Every structure is written in C-alpha cells, then in structure tokens.
Amino acid sequence: MPRLTRAGKDLGRVLEWLLNRDVPDGEIASALKLAKATYSRRKDAEDFPSYAELIALGEHFGLSARVLQIAFGWRGEDELILLEMDEMRQYMEQAGFALFANERVRNYMVARQDGDYPVANKILKMAAVDPRFKSDEGKAQDAGG
C-alpha cells in the first residue's frame, strides 16, 4: 500500500487536483525517469512516493517539493510556517481548502491572530487575498453588504 496524504489521497489524485487535469501513469513514470512497467510496480510500494521522488515530481510539474513532502508525511506539519504564499496555497489546495472556509475553524484562527501563531496568521493573510478562502460573511462585507 503506497503512502497517502493526511487527507487520504494517493499521488495521482494529488497531482490531478493541483494541476487541474488528468495525469496518466505514463506521465508520472516519465517524470520519475522510470519505464511505465517499472512505475506500475513501484507505485504500490509502501515507501512510494519517496522523499527524492517528490523532489523529481515537484521539479517536473512545477510544484513545490516541500509541499508534497509535507503532504505525504516526509516532513512535519510544523514546517508549514516556512512555506511561501504560493506553497501554502498548494498545500491548502491538496488538503482541501474547504476546511479553512469552515466558520468554526476560521473563528479559532481569528482568535489567535494577535499571538504567536504563524500558521494561523499565514492562513488568515491568504484568506484576505484569495476569495475562495473567504467566509460568506467576508464576501458580503467586500461587496458592501
């Protein structure tokens, strides 16, 4: 059984989500410089995708290897505070940004924005610039309502 993200997604699904398109096994194999038959066996290994494979995939697809490594558990979630805004957006995309639009989660983060909570602060900063992360109340305020 290959490694899954904390959200239970396999590598193919994560790549499709982040790239917003179908990513066939042949393309992933090519990115890893493997024959398709070799990739077909490799993708079922317990250590797949490895730390190094995520670097190669990140470079090939123009994604953050660091985000992929955090998502697949090769790096700790405490490293989220080190991500740039684009990387944080990729992380939230693969994790499912709907979680951060949840009003209870949002209230929890807002209550901590004045303290030393770098992840909450970064997420709130992103929510201020990306309309997908705004609550319905925030959208109404922006519309002048």
C-alpha atoms as a PDB file:
ATOM      1  CA  MET A   1       0.000   0.000   0.000  1.00  0.00           C
ATOM      2  CA  PRO A   2       1.587   3.310  -1.053  1.00  0.00           C
ATOM      3  CA  ARG A   3       1.812   6.377   1.163  1.00  0.00           C
ATOM      4  CA  LEU A   4      -1.258   8.596   1.214  1.00  0.00           C
ATOM      5  CA  THR A   5      -1.637  12.226   2.210  1.00  0.00           C
ATOM      6  CA  ARG A   6      -3.173  13.059   5.552  1.00  0.00           C
ATOM      7  CA  ALA A   7      -6.406  13.604   3.604  1.00  0.00           C
ATOM      8  CA  GLY A   8      -6.212  10.009   2.288  1.00  0.00           C
ATOM      9  CA  LYS A   9      -5.293  10.904  -1.310  1.00  0.00           C
ATOM     10  CA  ASP A  10      -2.773   8.992  -3.391  1.00  0.00           C
ATOM     11  CA  LEU A  11      -0.104  10.656  -5.520  1.00  0.00           C
ATOM     12  CA  GLY A  12      -2.069  10.536  -8.768  1.00  0.00           C
ATOM     13  CA  ARG A  13      -5.080  12.188  -7.191  1.00  0.00           C
ATOM     14  CA  VAL A  14      -2.967  14.925  -5.568  1.00  0.00           C
ATOM     15  CA  LEU A  15      -1.259  15.726  -8.874  1.00  0.00           C
ATOM     16  CA  GLU A  16      -4.607  15.825 -10.699  1.00  0.00           C
ATOM     17  CA  TRP A  17      -6.009  18.148  -8.029  1.00  0.00           C
ATOM     18  CA  LEU A  18      -3.057  20.529  -8.043  1.00  0.00           C
ATOM     19  CA  LEU A  19      -2.627  20.575 -11.830  1.00  0.00           C
ATOM     20  CA  ASN A  20      -6.369  20.611 -12.523  1.00  0.00           C
ATOM     21  CA  ARG A  21      -6.050  17.946 -15.208  1.00  0.00           C
ATOM     22  CA  ASP A  22      -5.738  14.215 -15.722  1.00  0.00           C
ATOM     23  CA  VAL A  23      -2.208  12.955 -15.019  1.00  0.00           C
ATOM     24  CA  PRO A  24      -1.764   9.488 -16.524  1.00  0.00           C
ATOM     25  CA  ASP A  25       0.614   6.925 -15.041  1.00  0.00           C
ATOM     26  CA  GLY A  26       2.844   7.236 -18.119  1.00  0.00           C
ATOM     27  CA  GLU A  27       3.410  10.925 -17.424  1.00  0.00           C
ATOM     28  CA  ILE A  28       4.258  10.268 -13.773  1.00  0.00           C
ATOM     29  CA  ALA A  29       6.617   7.461 -14.850  1.00  0.00           C
ATOM     30  CA  SER A  30       8.295   9.820 -17.310  1.00  0.00           C
ATOM     31  CA  ALA A  31       8.706  12.484 -14.608  1.00  0.00           C
ATOM     32  CA  LEU A  32      10.413   9.877 -12.417  1.00  0.00           C
ATOM     33  CA  LYS A  33      12.534   8.638 -15.340  1.00  0.00           C
ATOM     34  CA  LEU A  34      11.053   5.149 -14.998  1.00  0.00           C
ATOM     35  CA  ALA A  35       9.657   2.781 -17.587  1.00  0.00           C
ATOM     36  CA  LYS A  36       5.876   2.583 -17.379  1.00  0.00           C
ATOM     37  CA  ALA A  37       6.039  -1.092 -16.307  1.00  0.00           C
ATOM     38  CA  THR A  38       8.561  -0.256 -13.575  1.00  0.00           C
ATOM     39  CA  TYR A  39       6.381   2.613 -12.359  1.00  0.00           C
ATOM     40  CA  SER A  40       3.355   0.317 -12.362  1.00  0.00           C
ATOM     41  CA  ARG A  41       5.129  -1.899  -9.811  1.00  0.00           C
ATOM     42  CA  ARG A  42       6.752   0.978  -7.915  1.00  0.00           C
ATOM     43  CA  LYS A  43       3.511   2.873  -7.272  1.00  0.00           C
ATOM     44  CA  ASP A  44       2.264   0.074  -4.991  1.00  0.00           C
ATOM     45  CA  ALA A  45       5.346   0.071  -2.733  1.00  0.00           C
ATOM     46  CA  GLU A  46       4.949   1.118   0.909  1.00  0.00           C
ATOM     47  CA  ASP A  47       7.558   3.875   0.583  1.00  0.00           C
ATOM     48  CA  PHE A  48       6.053   5.370  -2.595  1.00  0.00           C
ATOM     49  CA  PRO A  49       6.347   8.249  -3.192  1.00  0.00           C
ATOM     50  CA  SER A  50       9.741   8.684  -1.569  1.00  0.00           C
ATOM     51  CA  TYR A  51      11.271  11.989  -0.492  1.00  0.00           C
ATOM     52  CA  ALA A  52      13.515  12.045  -3.589  1.00  0.00           C
ATOM     53  CA  GLU A  53      10.653  11.073  -5.915  1.00  0.00           C
ATOM     54  CA  LEU A  54       8.619  14.004  -4.623  1.00  0.00           C
ATOM     55  CA  ILE A  55      11.522  16.333  -5.443  1.00  0.00           C
ATOM     56  CA  ALA A  56      11.618  14.979  -9.022  1.00  0.00           C
ATOM     57  CA  LEU A  57       7.837  15.282  -9.374  1.00  0.00           C
ATOM     58  CA  GLY A  58       7.840  18.816  -7.992  1.00  0.00           C
ATOM     59  CA  GLU A  59      10.517  19.882 -10.465  1.00  0.00           C
ATOM     60  CA  HIS A  60       8.820  18.183 -13.408  1.00  0.00           C
ATOM     61  CA  PHE A  61       5.326  19.539 -12.735  1.00  0.00           C
ATOM     62  CA  GLY A  62       6.336  22.949 -11.365  1.00  0.00           C
ATOM     63  CA  LEU A  63       5.033  22.194  -7.880  1.00  0.00           C
ATOM     64  CA  SER A  64       6.655  22.699  -4.507  1.00  0.00           C
ATOM     65  CA  ALA A  65       8.524  19.561  -3.471  1.00  0.00           C
ATOM     66  CA  ARG A  66       8.334  20.828   0.112  1.00  0.00           C
ATOM     67  CA  VAL A  67       4.522  20.918  -0.054  1.00  0.00           C
ATOM     68  CA  LEU A  68       4.403  17.394  -1.461  1.00  0.00           C
ATOM     69  CA  GLN A  69       6.823  16.153   1.209  1.00  0.00           C
ATOM     70  CA  ILE A  70       4.703  17.646   3.992  1.00  0.00           C
ATOM     71  CA  ALA A  71       1.510  16.259   2.469  1.00  0.00           C
ATOM     72  CA  PHE A  72       2.936  12.742   2.238  1.00  0.00           C
ATOM     73  CA  GLY A  73       4.434  12.814   5.747  1.00  0.00           C
ATOM     74  CA  TRP A  74       8.134  13.022   4.872  1.00  0.00           C
ATOM     75  CA  ARG A  75       8.312  16.427   6.590  1.00  0.00           C
ATOM     76  CA  GLY A  76       6.423  17.543   9.673  1.00  0.00           C
ATOM     77  CA  GLU A  77       3.426  19.865   9.563  1.00  0.00           C
ATOM     78  CA  ASP A  78       5.419  22.242  11.762  1.00  0.00           C
ATOM     79  CA  GLU A  79       7.265  23.163   8.538  1.00  0.00           C
ATOM     80  CA  LEU A  80       4.080  24.758   7.175  1.00  0.00           C
ATOM     81  CA  ILE A  81       5.207  28.035   8.719  1.00  0.00           C
ATOM     82  CA  LEU A  82       8.232  28.021   6.396  1.00  0.00           C
ATOM     83  CA  LEU A  83       6.134  27.941   3.215  1.00  0.00           C
ATOM     84  CA  GLU A  84       5.835  30.893   0.875  1.00  0.00           C
ATOM     85  CA  MET A  85       2.318  32.054  -0.013  1.00  0.00           C
ATOM     86  CA  ASP A  86       2.239  30.093  -3.292  1.00  0.00           C
ATOM     87  CA  GLU A  87       3.399  26.962  -1.482  1.00  0.00           C
ATOM     88  CA  MET A  88       0.793  27.432   1.248  1.00  0.00           C
ATOM     89  CA  ARG A  89      -1.861  27.777  -1.451  1.00  0.00           C
ATOM     90  CA  GLN A  90      -0.684  24.474  -2.999  1.00  0.00           C
ATOM     91  CA  TYR A  91      -0.789  22.798   0.401  1.00  0.00           C
ATOM     92  CA  MET A  92      -4.289  24.038   1.079  1.00  0.00           C
ATOM     93  CA  GLU A  93      -5.418  23.017  -2.423  1.00  0.00           C
ATOM     94  CA  GLN A  94      -4.266  19.431  -1.988  1.00  0.00           C
ATOM     95  CA  ALA A  95      -5.613  19.251   1.570  1.00  0.00           C
ATOM     96  CA  GLY A  96      -8.967  20.683   0.609  1.00  0.00           C
ATOM     97  CA  PHE A  97      -9.386  24.408   1.161  1.00  0.00           C
ATOM     98  CA  ALA A  98     -12.999  23.941   2.286  1.00  0.00           C
ATOM     99  CA  LEU A  99     -11.654  23.115   5.758  1.00  0.00           C
ATOM    100  CA  PHE A 100     -10.396  26.683   6.133  1.00  0.00           C
ATOM    101  CA  ALA A 101     -13.697  28.187   4.988  1.00  0.00           C
ATOM    102  CA  ASN A 102     -15.412  26.414   7.892  1.00  0.00           C
ATOM    103  CA  GLU A 103     -16.631  29.174  10.202  1.00  0.00           C
ATOM    104  CA  ARG A 104     -15.577  27.388  13.421  1.00  0.00           C
ATOM    105  CA  VAL A 105     -12.039  26.851  12.119  1.00  0.00           C
ATOM    106  CA  ARG A 106     -11.940  30.454  10.902  1.00  0.00           C
ATOM    107  CA  ASN A 107     -13.072  31.781  14.316  1.00  0.00           C
ATOM    108  CA  TYR A 108     -10.385  29.680  16.018  1.00  0.00           C
ATOM    109  CA  MET A 109      -7.704  31.195  13.775  1.00  0.00           C
ATOM    110  CA  VAL A 110      -9.021  34.756  14.144  1.00  0.00           C
ATOM    111  CA  ALA A 111      -8.960  34.415  17.930  1.00  0.00           C
ATOM    112  CA  ARG A 112      -5.225  33.698  17.672  1.00  0.00           C
ATOM    113  CA  GLN A 113      -4.174  36.321  15.150  1.00  0.00           C
ATOM    114  CA  ASP A 114      -2.661  38.636  17.771  1.00  0.00           C
ATOM    115  CA  GLY A 115      -0.476  35.940  19.309  1.00  0.00           C
ATOM    116  CA  ASP A 116       2.470  33.940  18.075  1.00  0.00           C
ATOM    117  CA  TYR A 117       0.536  31.587  15.791  1.00  0.00           C
ATOM    118  CA  PRO A 118       2.407  31.792  12.457  1.00  0.00           C
ATOM    119  CA  VAL A 119       0.340  29.155  10.623  1.00  0.00           C
ATOM    120  CA  ALA A 120      -2.954  30.784  11.629  1.00  0.00           C
ATOM    121  CA  ASN A 121      -1.597  34.207  10.670  1.00  0.00           C
ATOM    122  CA  LYS A 122      -0.390  32.969   7.269  1.00  0.00           C
ATOM    123  CA  ILE A 123      -3.725  31.294   6.533  1.00  0.00           C
ATOM    124  CA  LEU A 124      -5.621  34.425   7.527  1.00  0.00           C
ATOM    125  CA  LYS A 125      -3.341  36.500   5.294  1.00  0.00           C
ATOM    126  CA  MET A 126      -4.071  34.176   2.396  1.00  0.00           C
ATOM    127  CA  ALA A 127      -7.788  34.288   3.091  1.00  0.00           C
ATOM    128  CA  ALA A 128      -7.657  38.065   2.776  1.00  0.00           C
ATOM    129  CA  VAL A 129      -6.319  37.906  -0.799  1.00  0.00           C
ATOM    130  CA  ASP A 130      -7.973  34.752  -2.173  1.00  0.00           C
ATOM    131  CA  PRO A 131     -11.786  34.883  -2.459  1.00  0.00           C
ATOM    132  CA  ARG A 132     -12.069  31.083  -2.308  1.00  0.00           C
ATOM    133  CA  PHE A 133     -10.971  31.190   1.330  1.00  0.00           C
ATOM    134  CA  LYS A 134     -13.375  33.901   2.476  1.00  0.00           C
ATOM    135  CA  SER A 135     -16.450  33.070   4.504  1.00  0.00           C
ATOM    136  CA  ASP A 136     -19.884  34.103   3.237  1.00  0.00           C
ATOM    137  CA  GLU A 137     -19.849  36.923   5.809  1.00  0.00           C
ATOM    138  CA  GLY A 138     -16.498  38.204   4.495  1.00  0.00           C
ATOM    139  CA  LYS A 139     -17.741  38.081   0.913  1.00  0.00           C
ATOM    140  CA  ALA A 140     -20.821  40.121   1.868  1.00  0.00           C
ATOM    141  CA  GLN A 141     -18.642  42.755   3.560  1.00  0.00           C
ATOM    142  CA  ASP A 142     -16.413  43.009   0.487  1.00  0.00           C
ATOM    143  CA  ALA A 143     -19.493  43.508  -1.702  1.00  0.00           C
ATOM    144  CA  GLY A 144     -20.536  46.407   0.516  1.00  0.00           C
ATOM    145  CA  GLY A 145     -23.297  44.488   2.258  1.00  0.00           C
END
